[in-house]
Amino acid sequence: MGLAETPLPYAVSVLGVVVGLAILLVGEALGAADAVVVGGGVVVLVGVGVLTAAVAMHPAPDEAAEEGHSAQESTPR
């Protein structure tokens, strides 16, 4: 079972991006230590990386199906 077969990686990555941005923005607004802001940025980057990996794992569309579909569209009626 790969990353693209379940919705879990997408949910985790979106949650990671939202939580990371919240940490980053709150840390910046409160004038917290730079480590808090950097930590939030790292969480965001990990979330984007997981999302990228999940999307990259999607199988390529079947070329035969694409050719058949385009041939049907170009056929005059």
N, C-alpha and C. Protein backbone atom coordinates (compact mmCIF):
# COMPACT_ATOMS: atom_id res chain seq x y z
N MET A 1 0.85 -1.17 0.00
CA MET A 1 0.00 0.00 0.00
C MET A 1 0.90 1.24 0.00
N GLY A 2 0.76 2.07 -1.02
CA GLY A 2 1.60 3.26 -1.16
C GLY A 2 0.93 4.49 -0.55
N LEU A 3 1.67 5.57 -0.63
CA LEU A 3 1.16 6.83 -0.08
C LEU A 3 -0.10 7.31 -0.79
N ALA A 4 -0.22 7.03 -2.07
CA ALA A 4 -1.34 7.57 -2.85
C ALA A 4 -2.60 6.74 -2.71
N GLU A 5 -2.55 5.61 -2.04
CA GLU A 5 -3.72 4.73 -1.98
C GLU A 5 -4.69 5.06 -0.86
N THR A 6 -4.30 5.86 0.11
CA THR A 6 -5.19 6.23 1.20
C THR A 6 -5.21 7.74 1.35
N PRO A 7 -6.26 8.27 1.94
CA PRO A 7 -6.32 9.73 2.15
C PRO A 7 -5.50 10.19 3.36
N LEU A 8 -4.94 9.28 4.14
CA LEU A 8 -4.21 9.64 5.34
C LEU A 8 -3.02 10.57 5.09
N PRO A 9 -2.17 10.31 4.09
CA PRO A 9 -1.04 11.23 3.87
C PRO A 9 -1.48 12.65 3.54
N TYR A 10 -2.59 12.77 2.81
CA TYR A 10 -3.08 14.10 2.46
C TYR A 10 -3.58 14.83 3.70
N ALA A 11 -4.32 14.13 4.55
CA ALA A 11 -4.82 14.74 5.78
C ALA A 11 -3.68 15.13 6.71
N VAL A 12 -2.69 14.26 6.84
CA VAL A 12 -1.55 14.54 7.71
C VAL A 12 -0.75 15.73 7.17
N SER A 13 -0.56 15.78 5.87
CA SER A 13 0.24 16.88 5.30
C SER A 13 -0.48 18.21 5.43
N VAL A 14 -1.78 18.23 5.18
CA VAL A 14 -2.54 19.48 5.33
C VAL A 14 -2.55 19.92 6.79
N LEU A 15 -2.75 18.97 7.69
CA LEU A 15 -2.71 19.29 9.12
C LEU A 15 -1.33 19.81 9.52
N GLY A 16 -0.28 19.20 9.00
CA GLY A 16 1.07 19.65 9.29
C GLY A 16 1.32 21.07 8.81
N VAL A 17 0.83 21.38 7.61
CA VAL A 17 1.01 22.73 7.07
C VAL A 17 0.25 23.75 7.92
N VAL A 18 -0.98 23.43 8.29
CA VAL A 18 -1.79 24.36 9.09
C VAL A 18 -1.18 24.57 10.47
N VAL A 19 -0.80 23.47 11.12
CA VAL A 19 -0.21 23.58 12.47
C VAL A 19 1.13 24.31 12.39
N GLY A 20 1.94 23.99 11.40
CA GLY A 20 3.23 24.65 11.26
C GLY A 20 3.09 26.14 11.02
N LEU A 21 2.13 26.52 10.17
CA LEU A 21 1.90 27.95 9.94
C LEU A 21 1.40 28.64 11.20
N ALA A 22 0.54 27.96 11.95
CA ALA A 22 0.05 28.54 13.20
C ALA A 22 1.21 28.76 14.18
N ILE A 23 2.07 27.78 14.31
CA ILE A 23 3.23 27.92 15.19
C ILE A 23 4.12 29.06 14.72
N LEU A 24 4.37 29.10 13.42
CA LEU A 24 5.23 30.13 12.86
C LEU A 24 4.65 31.52 13.09
N LEU A 25 3.38 31.71 12.80
CA LEU A 25 2.77 33.04 12.91
C LEU A 25 2.61 33.48 14.35
N VAL A 26 2.18 32.57 15.24
CA VAL A 26 2.03 32.92 16.65
C VAL A 26 3.39 33.22 17.26
N GLY A 27 4.38 32.42 16.92
CA GLY A 27 5.73 32.67 17.43
C GLY A 27 6.26 34.01 16.98
N GLU A 28 5.98 34.37 15.74
CA GLU A 28 6.44 35.66 15.23
C GLU A 28 5.67 36.81 15.89
N ALA A 29 4.37 36.65 16.05
CA ALA A 29 3.55 37.71 16.64
C ALA A 29 3.90 37.95 18.10
N LEU A 30 4.21 36.90 18.82
CA LEU A 30 4.54 37.04 20.24
C LEU A 30 6.00 37.38 20.47
N GLY A 31 6.78 37.43 19.44
CA GLY A 31 8.20 37.73 19.58
C GLY A 31 8.95 36.60 20.27
N ALA A 32 8.49 35.39 20.04
CA ALA A 32 9.12 34.22 20.67
C ALA A 32 10.52 34.02 20.09
N ALA A 33 11.21 33.09 20.67
CA ALA A 33 12.58 32.79 20.22
C ALA A 33 12.56 32.36 18.76
N ASP A 34 13.66 32.60 18.10
CA ASP A 34 13.77 32.22 16.68
C ASP A 34 13.57 30.73 16.48
N ALA A 35 13.91 29.93 17.48
CA ALA A 35 13.76 28.48 17.35
C ALA A 35 12.30 28.09 17.16
N VAL A 36 11.37 28.82 17.77
CA VAL A 36 9.94 28.52 17.61
C VAL A 36 9.51 28.80 16.18
N VAL A 37 9.92 29.92 15.65
CA VAL A 37 9.56 30.29 14.27
C VAL A 37 10.18 29.30 13.29
N VAL A 38 11.43 28.97 13.49
CA VAL A 38 12.10 28.01 12.62
C VAL A 38 11.44 26.63 12.73
N GLY A 39 11.07 26.25 13.94
CA GLY A 39 10.39 24.96 14.14
C GLY A 39 9.07 24.90 13.38
N GLY A 40 8.31 25.99 13.42
CA GLY A 40 7.06 26.05 12.65
C GLY A 40 7.32 25.93 11.16
N GLY A 41 8.37 26.59 10.69
CA GLY A 41 8.72 26.49 9.27
C GLY A 41 9.13 25.09 8.87
N VAL A 42 9.83 24.41 9.75
CA VAL A 42 10.24 23.03 9.47
C VAL A 42 9.02 22.12 9.39
N VAL A 43 8.05 22.33 10.29
CA VAL A 43 6.82 21.52 10.25
C VAL A 43 6.08 21.75 8.94
N VAL A 44 6.03 22.99 8.48
CA VAL A 44 5.38 23.30 7.20
C VAL A 44 6.11 22.59 6.06
N LEU A 45 7.42 22.66 6.05
CA LEU A 45 8.19 22.02 4.98
C LEU A 45 8.02 20.51 4.97
N VAL A 46 7.94 19.90 6.13
CA VAL A 46 7.71 18.45 6.19
C VAL A 46 6.32 18.13 5.64
N GLY A 47 5.33 18.93 5.99
CA GLY A 47 3.98 18.71 5.46
C GLY A 47 3.93 18.81 3.95
N VAL A 48 4.60 19.80 3.41
CA VAL A 48 4.65 19.96 1.94
C VAL A 48 5.41 18.79 1.31
N GLY A 49 6.46 18.33 1.97
CA GLY A 49 7.21 17.19 1.45
C GLY A 49 6.37 15.92 1.41
N VAL A 50 5.59 15.68 2.46
CA VAL A 50 4.72 14.50 2.48
C VAL A 50 3.67 14.61 1.38
N LEU A 51 3.10 15.78 1.20
CA LEU A 51 2.11 15.97 0.14
C LEU A 51 2.74 15.75 -1.23
N THR A 52 3.93 16.25 -1.44
CA THR A 52 4.63 16.06 -2.71
C THR A 52 4.90 14.58 -2.97
N ALA A 53 5.33 13.87 -1.94
CA ALA A 53 5.59 12.44 -2.10
C ALA A 53 4.31 11.67 -2.42
N ALA A 54 3.21 12.03 -1.77
CA ALA A 54 1.93 11.34 -2.02
C ALA A 54 1.46 11.58 -3.45
N VAL A 55 1.59 12.81 -3.92
CA VAL A 55 1.17 13.11 -5.30
C VAL A 55 2.09 12.42 -6.30
N ALA A 56 3.38 12.35 -6.01
CA ALA A 56 4.32 11.72 -6.91
C ALA A 56 4.10 10.21 -7.01
N MET A 57 3.48 9.61 -6.01
CA MET A 57 3.23 8.17 -6.01
C MET A 57 2.01 7.77 -6.84
N HIS A 58 1.23 8.76 -7.29
CA HIS A 58 0.06 8.42 -8.11
C HIS A 58 0.52 7.73 -9.38
N PRO A 59 -0.19 6.68 -9.77
CA PRO A 59 0.20 6.00 -11.02
C PRO A 59 -0.11 6.88 -12.22
N ALA A 60 0.70 6.71 -13.25
CA ALA A 60 0.47 7.46 -14.48
C ALA A 60 -0.80 6.95 -15.15
N PRO A 61 -1.54 7.83 -15.80
CA PRO A 61 -2.73 7.37 -16.50
C PRO A 61 -2.36 6.39 -17.61
N ASP A 62 -3.23 5.48 -17.89
CA ASP A 62 -2.99 4.49 -18.92
C ASP A 62 -2.96 5.18 -20.28
N GLU A 63 -1.85 5.01 -21.00
CA GLU A 63 -1.71 5.68 -22.28
C GLU A 63 -2.73 5.19 -23.30
N ALA A 64 -3.07 3.92 -23.25
CA ALA A 64 -4.05 3.38 -24.19
C ALA A 64 -5.42 4.01 -23.96
N ALA A 65 -5.77 4.23 -22.72
CA ALA A 65 -7.05 4.85 -22.41
C ALA A 65 -7.07 6.29 -22.89
N GLU A 66 -5.95 6.99 -22.75
CA GLU A 66 -5.88 8.36 -23.23
C GLU A 66 -6.00 8.43 -24.74
N GLU A 67 -5.33 7.50 -25.44
CA GLU A 67 -5.40 7.49 -26.89
C GLU A 67 -6.81 7.17 -27.36
N GLY A 68 -7.45 6.22 -26.72
CA GLY A 68 -8.82 5.88 -27.08
C GLY A 68 -9.77 7.02 -26.82
N HIS A 69 -9.55 7.73 -25.74
CA HIS A 69 -10.42 8.84 -25.39
C HIS A 69 -10.27 9.98 -26.38
N SER A 70 -9.02 10.29 -26.76
CA SER A 70 -8.80 11.38 -27.70
C SER A 70 -9.29 10.99 -29.10
N ALA A 71 -9.21 9.71 -29.43
CA ALA A 71 -9.71 9.27 -30.75
C ALA A 71 -11.22 9.41 -30.82
N GLN A 72 -11.90 9.16 -29.72
CA GLN A 72 -13.36 9.30 -29.70
C GLN A 72 -13.76 10.76 -29.83
N GLU A 73 -13.01 11.66 -29.22
CA GLU A 73 -13.35 13.07 -29.31
C GLU A 73 -13.11 13.63 -30.72
N SER A 74 -12.12 13.09 -31.42
CA SER A 74 -11.81 13.64 -32.74
C SER A 74 -12.65 13.00 -33.87
N THR A 75 -13.42 11.98 -33.53
CA THR A 75 -14.24 11.32 -34.54
C THR A 75 -15.43 12.23 -34.89
N PRO A 76 -15.61 12.55 -36.18
CA PRO A 76 -16.74 13.41 -36.56
C PRO A 76 -18.07 12.68 -36.38
N ARG A 77 -19.07 13.41 -36.03
CA ARG A 77 -20.41 12.81 -35.81
C ARG A 77 -21.31 13.06 -36.99
